[in-house]
Amino acid sequence: MIVVDSNVICYYCIPGAKTALADCLRAQHAQWCVPPLWRSEFRNVVLGQVQRGAMGLSFAHELLDLAEAMLRETEFAVDSRAILSRAMESGCTAYDCEYVVLAEDLGVQLVTSDKQVLRAFPHRAVALEDYVEQ
């Protein structure tokens, strides 16, 4: 079990340069945990793809369905006070700290590509590239 942020989910669901890494991560760690925020962040990325003409709306709907089905059982609420505390201590956004707090609550690693989170939480956050066993 690991926590992944929306970047990793996007890499996995939307074909691109880091999709192979995300595929390897999923093969090694099938249980990806997320806070509810992932949905809004993922929808926003998918919307941007549709608006730029990189994918059609029907494909976007399929991606949303796939991602929601994949993460439905591993979505966990996080404590707002803990999120604000982590954000104030680190200088990271409250959005990013939702993933950090969830990883702390579950006692697992957060896999991310967010450089600020990686710097602020080196004992909890691990870069996707470093985490995947190659």
C-alpha atoms as a PDB file:
ATOM      1  CA  MET A   1       0.000   0.000   0.000  1.00  0.00           C
ATOM      2  CA  ILE A   2       1.217   3.489  -0.916  1.00  0.00           C
ATOM      3  CA  VAL A   3      -0.267   6.953  -1.286  1.00  0.00           C
ATOM      4  CA  VAL A   4       0.000   8.485  -4.744  1.00  0.00           C
ATOM      5  CA  ASP A   5      -0.738  12.053  -5.706  1.00  0.00           C
ATOM      6  CA  SER A   6      -2.768  13.182  -8.689  1.00  0.00           C
ATOM      7  CA  ASN A   7       0.348  13.496 -10.853  1.00  0.00           C
ATOM      8  CA  VAL A   8       1.003   9.777 -10.559  1.00  0.00           C
ATOM      9  CA  ILE A   9      -2.637   8.990 -11.283  1.00  0.00           C
ATOM     10  CA  CYS A  10      -2.447  11.171 -14.389  1.00  0.00           C
ATOM     11  CA  TYR A  11       0.755   9.469 -15.541  1.00  0.00           C
ATOM     12  CA  TYR A  12      -0.967   6.118 -15.159  1.00  0.00           C
ATOM     13  CA  CYS A  13      -4.253   6.994 -16.870  1.00  0.00           C
ATOM     14  CA  ILE A  14      -3.169   9.464 -19.544  1.00  0.00           C
ATOM     15  CA  PRO A  15      -0.588   8.138 -22.002  1.00  0.00           C
ATOM     16  CA  GLY A  16       2.622  10.143 -21.838  1.00  0.00           C
ATOM     17  CA  ALA A  17       6.322  10.178 -21.036  1.00  0.00           C
ATOM     18  CA  LYS A  18       5.929   8.803 -17.492  1.00  0.00           C
ATOM     19  CA  THR A  19       3.192   6.263 -18.169  1.00  0.00           C
ATOM     20  CA  ALA A  20       5.644   3.343 -18.234  1.00  0.00           C
ATOM     21  CA  LEU A  21       6.951   4.323 -14.789  1.00  0.00           C
ATOM     22  CA  ALA A  22       3.418   4.579 -13.421  1.00  0.00           C
ATOM     23  CA  ASP A  23       2.583   1.183 -14.943  1.00  0.00           C
ATOM     24  CA  CYS A  24       5.602  -0.348 -13.174  1.00  0.00           C
ATOM     25  CA  LEU A  25       4.567   1.276  -9.905  1.00  0.00           C
ATOM     26  CA  ARG A  26       1.042  -0.108 -10.239  1.00  0.00           C
ATOM     27  CA  ALA A  27       2.414  -3.588 -10.986  1.00  0.00           C
ATOM     28  CA  GLN A  28       4.614  -3.441  -7.871  1.00  0.00           C
ATOM     29  CA  HIS A  29       2.041  -1.790  -5.581  1.00  0.00           C
ATOM     30  CA  ALA A  30      -1.528  -2.428  -6.620  1.00  0.00           C
ATOM     31  CA  GLN A  31      -3.132  -0.645  -3.674  1.00  0.00           C
ATOM     32  CA  TRP A  32      -2.951   3.104  -4.258  1.00  0.00           C
ATOM     33  CA  CYS A  33      -4.476   5.234  -1.499  1.00  0.00           C
ATOM     34  CA  VAL A  34      -5.715   8.776  -2.049  1.00  0.00           C
ATOM     35  CA  PRO A  35      -7.571  11.604  -0.322  1.00  0.00           C
ATOM     36  CA  PRO A  36     -10.857  12.728  -1.963  1.00  0.00           C
ATOM     37  CA  LEU A  37      -9.073  15.757  -3.426  1.00  0.00           C
ATOM     38  CA  TRP A  38      -7.544  13.557  -6.147  1.00  0.00           C
ATOM     39  CA  ARG A  39     -10.870  13.579  -8.012  1.00  0.00           C
ATOM     40  CA  SER A  40     -10.950  17.350  -8.537  1.00  0.00           C
ATOM     41  CA  GLU A  41      -7.286  17.497  -9.484  1.00  0.00           C
ATOM     42  CA  PHE A  42      -7.647  14.624 -11.941  1.00  0.00           C
ATOM     43  CA  ARG A  43     -10.800  16.117 -13.469  1.00  0.00           C
ATOM     44  CA  ASN A  44      -8.992  19.413 -13.963  1.00  0.00           C
ATOM     45  CA  VAL A  45      -6.094  17.746 -15.801  1.00  0.00           C
ATOM     46  CA  VAL A  46      -8.495  15.764 -17.987  1.00  0.00           C
ATOM     47  CA  LEU A  47     -10.474  18.928 -18.735  1.00  0.00           C
ATOM     48  CA  GLY A  48      -7.272  20.662 -19.846  1.00  0.00           C
ATOM     49  CA  GLN A  49      -6.530  17.761 -22.190  1.00  0.00           C
ATOM     50  CA  VAL A  50     -10.004  18.035 -23.717  1.00  0.00           C
ATOM     51  CA  GLN A  51      -9.779  21.821 -24.051  1.00  0.00           C
ATOM     52  CA  ARG A  52      -6.400  21.542 -25.820  1.00  0.00           C
ATOM     53  CA  GLY A  53      -7.768  18.932 -28.184  1.00  0.00           C
ATOM     54  CA  ALA A  54      -5.430  16.218 -26.855  1.00  0.00           C
ATOM     55  CA  MET A  55      -8.397  13.917 -26.171  1.00  0.00           C
ATOM     56  CA  GLY A  56     -12.081  13.807 -26.907  1.00  0.00           C
ATOM     57  CA  LEU A  57     -14.806  14.192 -24.322  1.00  0.00           C
ATOM     58  CA  SER A  58     -15.915  10.554 -24.611  1.00  0.00           C
ATOM     59  CA  PHE A  59     -12.352   9.360 -23.931  1.00  0.00           C
ATOM     60  CA  ALA A  60     -12.179  11.777 -20.985  1.00  0.00           C
ATOM     61  CA  HIS A  61     -15.341  10.213 -19.572  1.00  0.00           C
ATOM     62  CA  GLU A  62     -13.781   6.754 -19.944  1.00  0.00           C
ATOM     63  CA  LEU A  63     -10.648   7.907 -18.093  1.00  0.00           C
ATOM     64  CA  LEU A  64     -12.700   9.361 -15.271  1.00  0.00           C
ATOM     65  CA  ASP A  65     -14.675   6.126 -14.943  1.00  0.00           C
ATOM     66  CA  LEU A  66     -11.478   4.038 -14.985  1.00  0.00           C
ATOM     67  CA  ALA A  67      -9.715   6.141 -12.363  1.00  0.00           C
ATOM     68  CA  GLU A  68     -12.737   6.357 -10.080  1.00  0.00           C
ATOM     69  CA  ALA A  69     -13.271   2.588 -10.235  1.00  0.00           C
ATOM     70  CA  MET A  70      -9.575   1.958  -9.575  1.00  0.00           C
ATOM     71  CA  LEU A  71      -9.461   4.159  -6.463  1.00  0.00           C
ATOM     72  CA  ARG A  72     -12.992   3.821  -5.102  1.00  0.00           C
ATOM     73  CA  GLU A  73     -12.056   1.435  -2.275  1.00  0.00           C
ATOM     74  CA  THR A  74      -8.849   3.245  -1.265  1.00  0.00           C
ATOM     75  CA  GLU A  75     -10.049   6.815  -0.864  1.00  0.00           C
ATOM     76  CA  PHE A  76      -9.684   8.141   2.694  1.00  0.00           C
ATOM     77  CA  ALA A  77     -10.707  11.383   4.384  1.00  0.00           C
ATOM     78  CA  VAL A  78      -7.950  13.355   6.106  1.00  0.00           C
ATOM     79  CA  ASP A  79      -7.964  15.674   9.092  1.00  0.00           C
ATOM     80  CA  SER A  80      -8.195  19.349   8.136  1.00  0.00           C
ATOM     81  CA  ARG A  81      -6.241  20.554  11.161  1.00  0.00           C
ATOM     82  CA  ALA A  82      -3.355  18.228  10.357  1.00  0.00           C
ATOM     83  CA  ILE A  83      -3.375  19.436   6.763  1.00  0.00           C
ATOM     84  CA  LEU A  84      -3.179  23.090   7.793  1.00  0.00           C
ATOM     85  CA  SER A  85      -0.417  22.349  10.291  1.00  0.00           C
ATOM     86  CA  ARG A  86       1.659  20.524   7.686  1.00  0.00           C
ATOM     87  CA  ALA A  87       1.093  23.299   5.166  1.00  0.00           C
ATOM     88  CA  MET A  88       2.185  25.980   7.638  1.00  0.00           C
ATOM     89  CA  GLU A  89       5.272  24.007   8.693  1.00  0.00           C
ATOM     90  CA  SER A  90       6.370  23.176   5.158  1.00  0.00           C
ATOM     91  CA  GLY A  91       5.268  26.040   2.941  1.00  0.00           C
ATOM     92  CA  CYS A  92       3.505  23.515   0.701  1.00  0.00           C
ATOM     93  CA  THR A  93      -0.104  23.963  -0.359  1.00  0.00           C
ATOM     94  CA  ALA A  94      -2.958  22.505   1.620  1.00  0.00           C
ATOM     95  CA  TYR A  95      -3.735  20.466  -1.497  1.00  0.00           C
ATOM     96  CA  ASP A  96      -0.319  18.808  -1.435  1.00  0.00           C
ATOM     97  CA  CYS A  97      -0.466  18.292   2.315  1.00  0.00           C
ATOM     98  CA  GLU A  98      -3.653  16.231   1.980  1.00  0.00           C
ATOM     99  CA  TYR A  99      -1.530  13.523   0.371  1.00  0.00           C
ATOM    100  CA  VAL A 100       1.230  13.928   2.958  1.00  0.00           C
ATOM    101  CA  VAL A 101      -1.148  13.674   5.911  1.00  0.00           C
ATOM    102  CA  LEU A 102      -2.835  10.614   4.434  1.00  0.00           C
ATOM    103  CA  ALA A 103       0.544   8.921   3.993  1.00  0.00           C
ATOM    104  CA  GLU A 104       1.427   9.792   7.587  1.00  0.00           C
ATOM    105  CA  ASP A 105      -1.924   8.495   8.859  1.00  0.00           C
ATOM    106  CA  LEU A 106      -1.478   5.198   7.010  1.00  0.00           C
ATOM    107  CA  GLY A 107       2.237   4.934   7.838  1.00  0.00           C
ATOM    108  CA  VAL A 108       3.221   4.537   4.191  1.00  0.00           C
ATOM    109  CA  GLN A 109       5.217   6.392   1.552  1.00  0.00           C
ATOM    110  CA  LEU A 110       3.805   9.121  -0.682  1.00  0.00           C
ATOM    111  CA  VAL A 111       4.889   8.665  -4.286  1.00  0.00           C
ATOM    112  CA  THR A 112       4.975  11.966  -6.161  1.00  0.00           C
ATOM    113  CA  SER A 113       6.786  14.019  -8.753  1.00  0.00           C
ATOM    114  CA  ASP A 114       6.201  17.277  -6.866  1.00  0.00           C
ATOM    115  CA  LYS A 115       9.651  18.700  -6.131  1.00  0.00           C
ATOM    116  CA  GLN A 116       8.463  20.967  -3.318  1.00  0.00           C
ATOM    117  CA  VAL A 117       6.782  18.070  -1.517  1.00  0.00           C
ATOM    118  CA  LEU A 118       9.853  15.893  -2.027  1.00  0.00           C
ATOM    119  CA  ARG A 119      12.063  18.597  -0.450  1.00  0.00           C
ATOM    120  CA  ALA A 120       9.675  19.369   2.406  1.00  0.00           C
ATOM    121  CA  PHE A 121       8.947  15.761   3.373  1.00  0.00           C
ATOM    122  CA  PRO A 122      12.039  13.697   2.510  1.00  0.00           C
ATOM    123  CA  HIS A 123      11.194  10.950   5.013  1.00  0.00           C
ATOM    124  CA  ARG A 124       7.643  10.484   3.717  1.00  0.00           C
ATOM    125  CA  ALA A 125       7.676  11.499   0.043  1.00  0.00           C
ATOM    126  CA  VAL A 126       9.541   9.546  -2.627  1.00  0.00           C
ATOM    127  CA  ALA A 127       9.979  10.465  -6.278  1.00  0.00           C
ATOM    128  CA  LEU A 128       8.203   8.193  -8.728  1.00  0.00           C
ATOM    129  CA  GLU A 129      11.469   7.595 -10.565  1.00  0.00           C
ATOM    130  CA  ASP A 130      13.233   6.579  -7.351  1.00  0.00           C
ATOM    131  CA  TYR A 131      10.446   4.407  -6.015  1.00  0.00           C
ATOM    132  CA  VAL A 132       9.927   2.178  -9.032  1.00  0.00           C
ATOM    133  CA  GLU A 133      12.169  -0.863  -8.868  1.00  0.00           C
ATOM    134  CA  GLN A 134      13.829  -1.150 -12.231  1.00  0.00           C
END
